[in-house]
C-alpha atoms as a PDB file:
ATOM      1  CA  MET A   1      -6.773 -10.643   5.344  1.00  0.00           C
ATOM      2  CA  PRO A   2      -4.353  -7.889   4.389  1.00  0.00           C
ATOM      3  CA  ARG A   3      -4.318  -7.014   0.720  1.00  0.00           C
ATOM      4  CA  LEU A   4      -0.982  -5.253   0.525  1.00  0.00           C
ATOM      5  CA  GLY A   5       0.338  -4.876  -2.959  1.00  0.00           C
ATOM      6  CA  ALA A   6       0.771  -2.310  -5.645  1.00  0.00           C
ATOM      7  CA  GLY A   7      -1.560   0.628  -5.231  1.00  0.00           C
ATOM      8  CA  SER A   8      -4.480   0.619  -7.615  1.00  0.00           C
ATOM      9  CA  SER A   9      -5.046   4.362  -7.503  1.00  0.00           C
ATOM     10  CA  PRO A  10      -2.731   7.355  -7.183  1.00  0.00           C
ATOM     11  CA  GLY A  11      -4.199   8.222  -3.771  1.00  0.00           C
ATOM     12  CA  GLU A  12      -3.171   5.002  -2.024  1.00  0.00           C
ATOM     13  CA  LEU A  13      -0.310   5.165   0.475  1.00  0.00           C
ATOM     14  CA  VAL A  14       2.015   2.452   1.723  1.00  0.00           C
ATOM     15  CA  TYR A  15       3.690   3.473   4.971  1.00  0.00           C
ATOM     16  CA  ASN A  16       5.554   2.161   8.026  1.00  0.00           C
ATOM     17  CA  LEU A  17       3.871   2.243  11.419  1.00  0.00           C
ATOM     18  CA  ALA A  18       5.537   1.635  14.795  1.00  0.00           C
ATOM     19  CA  VAL A  19       3.215   0.324  17.518  1.00  0.00           C
ATOM     20  CA  ALA A  20       4.431   0.186  21.133  1.00  0.00           C
ATOM     21  CA  GLY A  21       2.696  -2.023  23.668  1.00  0.00           C
ATOM     22  CA  LYS A  22       1.642  -5.600  24.263  1.00  0.00           C
ATOM     23  CA  VAL A  23      -1.097  -5.879  21.696  1.00  0.00           C
ATOM     24  CA  PRO A  24      -1.839  -8.853  19.438  1.00  0.00           C
ATOM     25  CA  MET A  25      -1.973  -8.362  15.669  1.00  0.00           C
ATOM     26  CA  SER A  26      -5.607  -9.485  15.722  1.00  0.00           C
ATOM     27  CA  GLU A  27      -6.424  -6.393  17.789  1.00  0.00           C
ATOM     28  CA  ILE A  28      -4.423  -4.119  15.484  1.00  0.00           C
ATOM     29  CA  ARG A  29      -6.157  -5.561  12.402  1.00  0.00           C
ATOM     30  CA  LYS A  30      -9.537  -4.532  13.801  1.00  0.00           C
ATOM     31  CA  THR A  31      -8.403  -0.957  13.167  1.00  0.00           C
ATOM     32  CA  LEU A  32      -5.877  -1.454  10.362  1.00  0.00           C
ATOM     33  CA  ASP A  33      -7.413  -3.929   7.967  1.00  0.00           C
ATOM     34  CA  ASP A  34      -4.440  -3.696   5.607  1.00  0.00           C
ATOM     35  CA  ALA A  35      -1.284  -4.219   7.683  1.00  0.00           C
ATOM     36  CA  LEU A  36       1.634  -6.625   7.531  1.00  0.00           C
ATOM     37  CA  LEU A  37       3.927  -7.312  10.498  1.00  0.00           C
ATOM     38  CA  ILE A  38       7.515  -6.601   9.403  1.00  0.00           C
ATOM     39  CA  HIS A  39       9.373  -6.868  12.720  1.00  0.00           C
ATOM     40  CA  GLU A  40       8.557  -7.374  16.378  1.00  0.00           C
ATOM     41  CA  THR A  41      10.585  -6.816  19.557  1.00  0.00           C
ATOM     42  CA  ARG A  42       9.828  -8.108  23.038  1.00  0.00           C
ATOM     43  CA  ASN A  43      11.714  -5.631  25.208  1.00  0.00           C
ATOM     44  CA  PRO A  44      10.375  -3.038  24.730  1.00  0.00           C
ATOM     45  CA  PRO A  45       7.267  -4.570  23.157  1.00  0.00           C
ATOM     46  CA  MET A  46       7.101  -3.045  19.658  1.00  0.00           C
ATOM     47  CA  LYS A  47       5.624  -3.996  16.329  1.00  0.00           C
ATOM     48  CA  TYR A  48       6.779  -2.500  13.035  1.00  0.00           C
ATOM     49  CA  LEU A  49       4.116  -2.705  10.359  1.00  0.00           C
ATOM     50  CA  LEU A  50       3.830  -2.072   6.655  1.00  0.00           C
ATOM     51  CA  CYS A  51       0.386  -0.584   6.055  1.00  0.00           C
ATOM     52  CA  ARG A  52      -1.728   0.681   3.197  1.00  0.00           C
ATOM     53  CA  SER A  53      -4.409   3.365   3.302  1.00  0.00           C
ATOM     54  CA  LYS A  54      -6.544   5.318   0.878  1.00  0.00           C
ATOM     55  CA  ASN A  55      -5.149   8.746   1.758  1.00  0.00           C
ATOM     56  CA  LEU A  56      -3.408  10.784   4.471  1.00  0.00           C
ATOM     57  CA  GLY A  57      -6.683  11.433   6.268  1.00  0.00           C
ATOM     58  CA  ASP A  58      -7.247   7.689   6.584  1.00  0.00           C
ATOM     59  CA  VAL A  59      -3.686   7.219   7.914  1.00  0.00           C
ATOM     60  CA  ASN A  60      -4.285   9.921  10.530  1.00  0.00           C
ATOM     61  CA  LEU A  61      -7.702   8.547  11.512  1.00  0.00           C
ATOM     62  CA  LYS A  62      -6.440   4.977  11.956  1.00  0.00           C
ATOM     63  CA  THR A  63      -3.297   6.045  13.819  1.00  0.00           C
ATOM     64  CA  ARG A  64      -5.406   8.061  16.270  1.00  0.00           C
ATOM     65  CA  ALA A  65      -7.786   5.122  16.710  1.00  0.00           C
ATOM     66  CA  LEU A  66      -4.845   2.848  17.561  1.00  0.00           C
ATOM     67  CA  ASN A  67      -3.528   5.369  20.078  1.00  0.00           C
ATOM     68  CA  ARG A  68      -6.879   5.258  21.897  1.00  0.00           C
ATOM     69  CA  LEU A  69      -6.645   1.493  22.495  1.00  0.00           C
ATOM     70  CA  GLN A  70      -5.781   0.675  26.087  1.00  0.00           C
ATOM     71  CA  SER A  71      -3.145  -1.968  25.264  1.00  0.00           C
ATOM     72  CA  ILE A  72      -1.189   0.398  22.982  1.00  0.00           C
ATOM     73  CA  GLU A  73       1.295   2.840  24.476  1.00  0.00           C
ATOM     74  CA  SER A  74       1.808   4.646  21.176  1.00  0.00           C
ATOM     75  CA  ALA A  75       1.336   4.248  17.446  1.00  0.00           C
ATOM     76  CA  ALA A  76       3.106   6.490  14.955  1.00  0.00           C
ATOM     77  CA  VAL A  77       4.077   6.643  11.316  1.00  0.00           C
ATOM     78  CA  THR A  78       7.809   6.081  11.207  1.00  0.00           C
ATOM     79  CA  LEU A  79      10.723   6.443   8.857  1.00  0.00           C
ATOM     80  CA  ASN A  80      12.624   3.606  10.498  1.00  0.00           C
ATOM     81  CA  ARG A  81      15.942   3.553   8.646  1.00  0.00           C
ATOM     82  CA  GLU A  82      16.136  -0.229   8.598  1.00  0.00           C
ATOM     83  CA  LEU A  83      12.751  -0.361   6.886  1.00  0.00           C
ATOM     84  CA  VAL A  84      13.304   2.594   4.567  1.00  0.00           C
ATOM     85  CA  PHE A  85      16.580   1.208   3.255  1.00  0.00           C
ATOM     86  CA  ALA A  86      15.349  -2.384   3.110  1.00  0.00           C
ATOM     87  CA  ASN A  87      13.481  -1.724  -0.125  1.00  0.00           C
ATOM     88  CA  GLU A  88      14.323  -5.103  -1.643  1.00  0.00           C
ATOM     89  CA  PHE A  89      13.023  -6.851   1.467  1.00  0.00           C
ATOM     90  CA  ILE A  90       9.824  -4.795   1.526  1.00  0.00           C
ATOM     91  CA  HIS A  91       9.267  -5.319  -2.195  1.00  0.00           C
ATOM     92  CA  SER A  92       9.800  -9.073  -1.807  1.00  0.00           C
ATOM     93  CA  LEU A  93       7.140  -9.157   0.936  1.00  0.00           C
ATOM     94  CA  VAL A  94       4.693  -7.269  -1.255  1.00  0.00           C
ATOM     95  CA  ARG A  95       5.420  -9.519  -4.272  1.00  0.00           C
ATOM     96  CA  GLU A  96       4.946 -12.622  -2.111  1.00  0.00           C
ATOM     97  CA  ARG A  97       1.618 -11.305  -0.826  1.00  0.00           C
ATOM     98  CA  ILE A  98       0.469 -10.561  -4.383  1.00  0.00           C
ATOM     99  CA  ARG A  99       1.414 -14.107  -5.492  1.00  0.00           C
ATOM    100  CA  ASP A 100      -0.519 -15.585  -2.555  1.00  0.00           C
ATOM    101  CA  MET A 101      -3.549 -13.486  -3.394  1.00  0.00           C
ATOM    102  CA  GLU A 102      -3.389 -14.508  -7.056  1.00  0.00           C
ATOM    103  CA  LYS A 103      -3.195 -18.197  -6.085  1.00  0.00           C
ATOM    104  CA  THR A 104      -6.177 -17.775  -3.777  1.00  0.00           C
ATOM    105  CA  ARG A 105      -8.152 -15.965  -6.449  1.00  0.00           C
ATOM    106  CA  LEU A 106      -7.350 -18.661  -9.040  1.00  0.00           C
ATOM    107  CA  SER A 107      -8.310 -21.462  -6.655  1.00  0.00           C
ATOM    108  CA  GLN A 108     -11.668 -19.767  -6.042  1.00  0.00           C
ATOM    109  CA  THR A 109     -12.364 -19.214  -9.746  1.00  0.00           C
ATOM    110  CA  VAL A 110     -14.847 -21.648 -11.234  1.00  0.00           C
ATOM    111  CA  PHE A 111     -14.253 -22.508 -14.864  1.00  0.00           C
ATOM    112  CA  ALA A 112     -17.288 -23.614 -16.861  1.00  0.00           C
END
């Protein structure tokens, strides 16, 4: 399950990734364990993701791994204007994910 949210260390990066090709999110998550689907198009088949990584090396490594998958035409870090300027939308998604994670954590906590 993705754990997108506020970075816990100064080295963590949150970035946008554009993935071209007919590939299910389950396949993408095998490589990117921390990714959230922001937008998807059918023609051409594209997925725009919000991702989190430990550092730039990790971003590069995972992007290259995605590009090697047969069902992916290309994967690249993007500065998609709609995503860059949709800060309120992106922040609302992150806040919602944090709330969901907190609810899950509280429901799994055993009080003695």
